[in-house]
N, C-alpha and C. Protein backbone atom coordinates (compact mmCIF):
# COMPACT_ATOMS: atom_id res chain seq x y z
N VAL A 1 85.07 94.68 55.62
CA VAL A 1 84.37 94.44 54.37
C VAL A 1 84.67 93.04 53.85
N ILE A 2 85.92 92.64 53.94
CA ILE A 2 86.31 91.32 53.44
C ILE A 2 85.64 90.22 54.26
N GLU A 3 85.55 90.42 55.57
CA GLU A 3 84.86 89.43 56.42
C GLU A 3 83.39 89.30 56.00
N MET A 4 82.75 90.42 55.71
CA MET A 4 81.35 90.39 55.30
C MET A 4 81.20 89.73 53.94
N ILE A 5 82.15 89.98 53.04
CA ILE A 5 82.12 89.32 51.73
C ILE A 5 82.18 87.81 51.91
N LEU A 6 83.07 87.36 52.77
CA LEU A 6 83.20 85.91 53.00
C LEU A 6 81.95 85.32 53.64
N GLN A 7 81.35 86.06 54.55
CA GLN A 7 80.13 85.58 55.22
C GLN A 7 78.98 85.48 54.22
N VAL A 8 78.79 86.52 53.42
CA VAL A 8 77.72 86.50 52.42
C VAL A 8 77.99 85.40 51.40
N GLN A 9 79.24 85.23 51.02
CA GLN A 9 79.59 84.20 50.05
C GLN A 9 79.24 82.80 50.57
N ARG A 10 79.55 82.54 51.85
CA ARG A 10 79.22 81.24 52.44
C ARG A 10 77.71 80.97 52.39
N GLN A 11 76.93 81.96 52.81
CA GLN A 11 75.48 81.80 52.82
C GLN A 11 74.93 81.68 51.41
N TRP A 12 75.44 82.50 50.51
CA TRP A 12 74.97 82.49 49.13
C TRP A 12 75.26 81.15 48.47
N MET A 13 76.47 80.62 48.68
CA MET A 13 76.83 79.33 48.07
C MET A 13 75.91 78.21 48.57
N TYR A 14 75.60 78.23 49.85
CA TYR A 14 74.73 77.21 50.43
C TYR A 14 73.32 77.31 49.85
N LEU A 15 72.78 78.51 49.82
CA LEU A 15 71.40 78.70 49.38
C LEU A 15 71.24 78.61 47.87
N GLU A 16 72.28 78.93 47.14
CA GLU A 16 72.20 78.86 45.67
C GLU A 16 71.87 77.44 45.22
N ASN A 17 72.54 76.47 45.81
CA ASN A 17 72.29 75.07 45.44
C ASN A 17 70.86 74.65 45.76
N ILE A 18 70.29 75.21 46.79
CA ILE A 18 68.93 74.85 47.19
C ILE A 18 67.90 75.51 46.26
N PHE A 19 68.11 76.79 45.96
CA PHE A 19 67.12 77.52 45.19
C PHE A 19 67.26 77.34 43.68
N ILE A 20 68.19 76.53 43.24
CA ILE A 20 68.26 76.16 41.83
C ILE A 20 67.10 75.24 41.50
N GLY A 21 66.74 74.38 42.45
CA GLY A 21 65.68 73.40 42.23
C GLY A 21 64.30 74.05 42.16
N GLU A 22 63.49 73.56 41.27
CA GLU A 22 62.14 74.09 41.08
C GLU A 22 61.21 73.74 42.25
N ASP A 23 61.44 72.62 42.91
CA ASP A 23 60.56 72.20 43.99
C ASP A 23 60.55 73.23 45.12
N ILE A 24 61.72 73.62 45.57
CA ILE A 24 61.82 74.61 46.66
C ILE A 24 61.28 75.95 46.18
N ARG A 25 61.53 76.32 44.94
CA ARG A 25 61.04 77.59 44.40
C ARG A 25 59.51 77.64 44.43
N LYS A 26 58.86 76.49 44.18
CA LYS A 26 57.41 76.44 44.23
C LYS A 26 56.90 76.49 45.67
N GLN A 27 57.61 75.83 46.56
CA GLN A 27 57.19 75.76 47.96
C GLN A 27 57.43 77.08 48.71
N LEU A 28 58.47 77.79 48.33
CA LEU A 28 58.82 79.05 49.01
C LEU A 28 58.98 80.17 47.97
N PRO A 29 57.88 80.62 47.38
CA PRO A 29 57.98 81.62 46.30
C PRO A 29 58.51 82.98 46.77
N ASN A 30 58.12 83.42 47.95
CA ASN A 30 58.61 84.73 48.44
C ASN A 30 60.11 84.69 48.70
N GLU A 31 60.57 83.61 49.31
CA GLU A 31 61.98 83.47 49.59
C GLU A 31 62.78 83.31 48.29
N SER A 32 62.18 82.64 47.32
CA SER A 32 62.84 82.49 46.02
C SER A 32 63.02 83.83 45.34
N ALA A 33 61.98 84.67 45.40
CA ALA A 33 62.07 86.00 44.81
C ALA A 33 63.13 86.84 45.53
N GLU A 34 63.15 86.74 46.85
CA GLU A 34 64.15 87.47 47.63
C GLU A 34 65.55 86.97 47.31
N PHE A 35 65.70 85.65 47.17
CA PHE A 35 67.01 85.10 46.83
C PHE A 35 67.45 85.58 45.44
N ASP A 36 66.52 85.68 44.51
CA ASP A 36 66.87 86.16 43.17
C ASP A 36 67.41 87.58 43.21
N ILE A 37 66.83 88.41 44.08
CA ILE A 37 67.31 89.79 44.24
C ILE A 37 68.73 89.78 44.81
N VAL A 38 68.93 88.98 45.86
CA VAL A 38 70.26 88.90 46.47
C VAL A 38 71.26 88.30 45.48
N ASN A 39 70.83 87.30 44.73
CA ASN A 39 71.70 86.65 43.75
C ASN A 39 72.19 87.67 42.72
N LYS A 40 71.29 88.51 42.22
CA LYS A 40 71.69 89.52 41.24
C LYS A 40 72.65 90.53 41.86
N SER A 41 72.34 90.97 43.07
CA SER A 41 73.22 91.93 43.76
C SER A 41 74.59 91.33 44.01
N TRP A 42 74.61 90.07 44.44
CA TRP A 42 75.87 89.40 44.73
C TRP A 42 76.72 89.29 43.46
N LYS A 43 76.10 88.91 42.37
CA LYS A 43 76.84 88.78 41.11
C LYS A 43 77.34 90.14 40.63
N ASP A 44 76.56 91.20 40.85
CA ASP A 44 77.01 92.55 40.50
C ASP A 44 78.23 92.95 41.33
N VAL A 45 78.18 92.67 42.63
CA VAL A 45 79.32 93.00 43.50
C VAL A 45 80.56 92.22 43.07
N MET A 46 80.39 90.95 42.78
CA MET A 46 81.54 90.13 42.38
C MET A 46 82.10 90.58 41.02
N THR A 47 81.24 91.01 40.13
CA THR A 47 81.71 91.53 38.83
C THR A 47 82.54 92.79 39.03
N LYS A 48 82.07 93.69 39.89
CA LYS A 48 82.81 94.93 40.15
C LYS A 48 84.15 94.62 40.82
N LEU A 49 84.15 93.69 41.76
CA LEU A 49 85.41 93.34 42.44
C LEU A 49 86.38 92.66 41.47
N HIS A 50 85.86 91.90 40.54
CA HIS A 50 86.71 91.22 39.56
C HIS A 50 87.33 92.22 38.58
N GLN A 51 86.61 93.28 38.28
CA GLN A 51 87.12 94.28 37.34
C GLN A 51 88.30 95.06 37.89
N ASP A 52 88.36 95.24 39.19
CA ASP A 52 89.48 95.95 39.81
C ASP A 52 90.25 94.98 40.69
N PRO A 53 91.39 94.47 40.23
CA PRO A 53 92.12 93.46 41.00
C PRO A 53 92.76 93.98 42.29
N ASN A 54 92.75 95.29 42.53
CA ASN A 54 93.31 95.85 43.74
C ASN A 54 92.28 95.72 44.87
N ALA A 55 92.62 94.92 45.87
CA ALA A 55 91.68 94.62 46.96
C ALA A 55 91.32 95.87 47.76
N CYS A 56 92.27 96.75 47.98
CA CYS A 56 91.99 97.96 48.77
C CYS A 56 90.98 98.86 48.05
N ARG A 57 91.20 99.09 46.78
CA ARG A 57 90.25 99.93 46.04
C ARG A 57 88.90 99.24 45.90
N GLY A 58 88.92 97.97 45.60
CA GLY A 58 87.69 97.23 45.36
C GLY A 58 86.79 97.14 46.59
N THR A 59 87.40 97.00 47.75
CA THR A 59 86.61 96.84 48.97
C THR A 59 86.24 98.16 49.63
N HIS A 60 86.76 99.26 49.12
CA HIS A 60 86.43 100.57 49.70
C HIS A 60 85.49 101.35 48.79
N THR A 61 84.67 100.64 48.05
CA THR A 61 83.67 101.28 47.21
C THR A 61 82.56 101.81 48.10
N GLU A 62 82.07 103.00 47.78
CA GLU A 62 81.02 103.62 48.59
C GLU A 62 79.75 102.77 48.54
N GLY A 63 79.21 102.48 49.72
CA GLY A 63 77.96 101.73 49.82
C GLY A 63 78.12 100.22 49.78
N LEU A 64 79.34 99.73 49.59
CA LEU A 64 79.55 98.28 49.48
C LEU A 64 79.21 97.58 50.79
N LEU A 65 79.71 98.09 51.90
CA LEU A 65 79.45 97.44 53.19
C LEU A 65 77.96 97.43 53.51
N GLU A 66 77.27 98.52 53.26
CA GLU A 66 75.83 98.57 53.51
C GLU A 66 75.10 97.56 52.64
N ASN A 67 75.50 97.46 51.38
CA ASN A 67 74.89 96.51 50.46
C ASN A 67 75.14 95.07 50.94
N LEU A 68 76.34 94.79 51.38
CA LEU A 68 76.66 93.45 51.90
C LEU A 68 75.86 93.15 53.16
N ASN A 69 75.70 94.14 54.03
CA ASN A 69 74.90 93.94 55.24
C ASN A 69 73.45 93.61 54.90
N LYS A 70 72.90 94.31 53.92
CA LYS A 70 71.52 94.03 53.48
C LYS A 70 71.41 92.62 52.92
N MET A 71 72.39 92.25 52.09
CA MET A 71 72.37 90.90 51.53
C MET A 71 72.47 89.86 52.62
N ASN A 72 73.33 90.10 53.61
CA ASN A 72 73.49 89.17 54.72
C ASN A 72 72.19 89.02 55.50
N GLN A 73 71.52 90.13 55.78
CA GLN A 73 70.24 90.07 56.50
C GLN A 73 69.19 89.30 55.70
N SER A 74 69.14 89.55 54.40
CA SER A 74 68.18 88.84 53.55
C SER A 74 68.48 87.35 53.52
N LEU A 75 69.74 87.00 53.38
CA LEU A 75 70.12 85.59 53.33
C LEU A 75 69.81 84.89 54.65
N GLU A 76 70.02 85.59 55.77
CA GLU A 76 69.69 85.01 57.07
C GLU A 76 68.19 84.79 57.20
N ALA A 77 67.38 85.73 56.72
CA ALA A 77 65.92 85.58 56.77
C ALA A 77 65.47 84.43 55.88
N ILE A 78 66.08 84.30 54.72
CA ILE A 78 65.76 83.19 53.82
C ILE A 78 66.12 81.87 54.48
N GLN A 79 67.28 81.83 55.15
CA GLN A 79 67.72 80.61 55.83
C GLN A 79 66.74 80.24 56.94
N ARG A 80 66.27 81.23 57.70
CA ARG A 80 65.30 80.95 58.77
C ARG A 80 64.00 80.39 58.19
N SER A 81 63.53 80.97 57.11
CA SER A 81 62.31 80.48 56.47
C SER A 81 62.50 79.06 55.94
N LEU A 82 63.65 78.80 55.39
CA LEU A 82 63.95 77.46 54.89
C LEU A 82 63.98 76.46 56.04
N ASP A 83 64.59 76.84 57.15
CA ASP A 83 64.64 75.97 58.33
C ASP A 83 63.24 75.68 58.86
N MET A 84 62.38 76.69 58.89
CA MET A 84 61.00 76.48 59.35
C MET A 84 60.25 75.57 58.39
N TYR A 85 60.46 75.74 57.10
CA TYR A 85 59.84 74.88 56.10
C TYR A 85 60.27 73.43 56.30
N LEU A 86 61.57 73.22 56.50
CA LEU A 86 62.07 71.86 56.72
C LEU A 86 61.51 71.26 58.00
N GLU A 87 61.35 72.09 59.02
CA GLU A 87 60.79 71.60 60.29
C GLU A 87 59.35 71.16 60.11
N THR A 88 58.57 71.90 59.33
CA THR A 88 57.18 71.47 59.09
C THR A 88 57.14 70.17 58.30
N LYS A 89 58.07 70.00 57.39
CA LYS A 89 58.13 68.74 56.63
C LYS A 89 58.50 67.58 57.55
N ARG A 90 59.36 67.84 58.52
CA ARG A 90 59.76 66.79 59.46
C ARG A 90 58.58 66.35 60.33
N GLN A 91 57.69 67.28 60.62
CA GLN A 91 56.52 66.92 61.43
C GLN A 91 55.60 65.97 60.67
N PHE A 92 55.50 66.15 59.37
CA PHE A 92 54.66 65.27 58.55
C PHE A 92 55.37 63.98 58.15
N PHE A 93 56.68 64.06 58.01
CA PHE A 93 57.47 62.90 57.59
C PHE A 93 58.61 62.70 58.59
N PRO A 94 58.38 61.92 59.65
CA PRO A 94 59.39 61.77 60.70
C PRO A 94 60.75 61.27 60.22
N ARG A 95 60.78 60.58 59.10
CA ARG A 95 62.07 60.08 58.62
C ARG A 95 63.02 61.22 58.24
N PHE A 96 62.48 62.43 58.03
CA PHE A 96 63.32 63.58 57.71
C PHE A 96 64.13 64.06 58.91
N TYR A 97 63.79 63.60 60.12
CA TYR A 97 64.58 63.98 61.29
C TYR A 97 66.00 63.45 61.20
N PHE A 98 66.19 62.44 60.38
CA PHE A 98 67.53 61.89 60.23
C PHE A 98 68.39 62.72 59.28
N LEU A 99 67.78 63.66 58.58
CA LEU A 99 68.51 64.54 57.66
C LEU A 99 68.84 65.83 58.36
N SER A 100 70.05 66.30 58.17
CA SER A 100 70.43 67.58 58.75
C SER A 100 69.97 68.71 57.84
N ASN A 101 70.03 69.92 58.34
CA ASN A 101 69.71 71.08 57.51
C ASN A 101 70.78 71.35 56.48
N ASP A 102 71.95 70.79 56.67
CA ASP A 102 73.04 71.00 55.72
C ASP A 102 72.87 70.08 54.55
């Protein structure tokens, strides 16, 4: 469970900075809506974990692992869509090839 929390956290932190901007939200509205759902779920999970400082009790909540797996799958799909979007932009603007996805 802790490994999945760390994995979701890494992806969420990366995508949060991207989806704060209005430009990407306009260009990828479906992914933005999906990210908003994951964002709310992630913040709910973190609030619950913060309320109980005992790691064993906090990470053994029923349904937590399944919820984290769903969030991870959604974040991976959002990342793939973002990568495809960036690739299409690179085709129109070759100078973007010098920019990494990170």
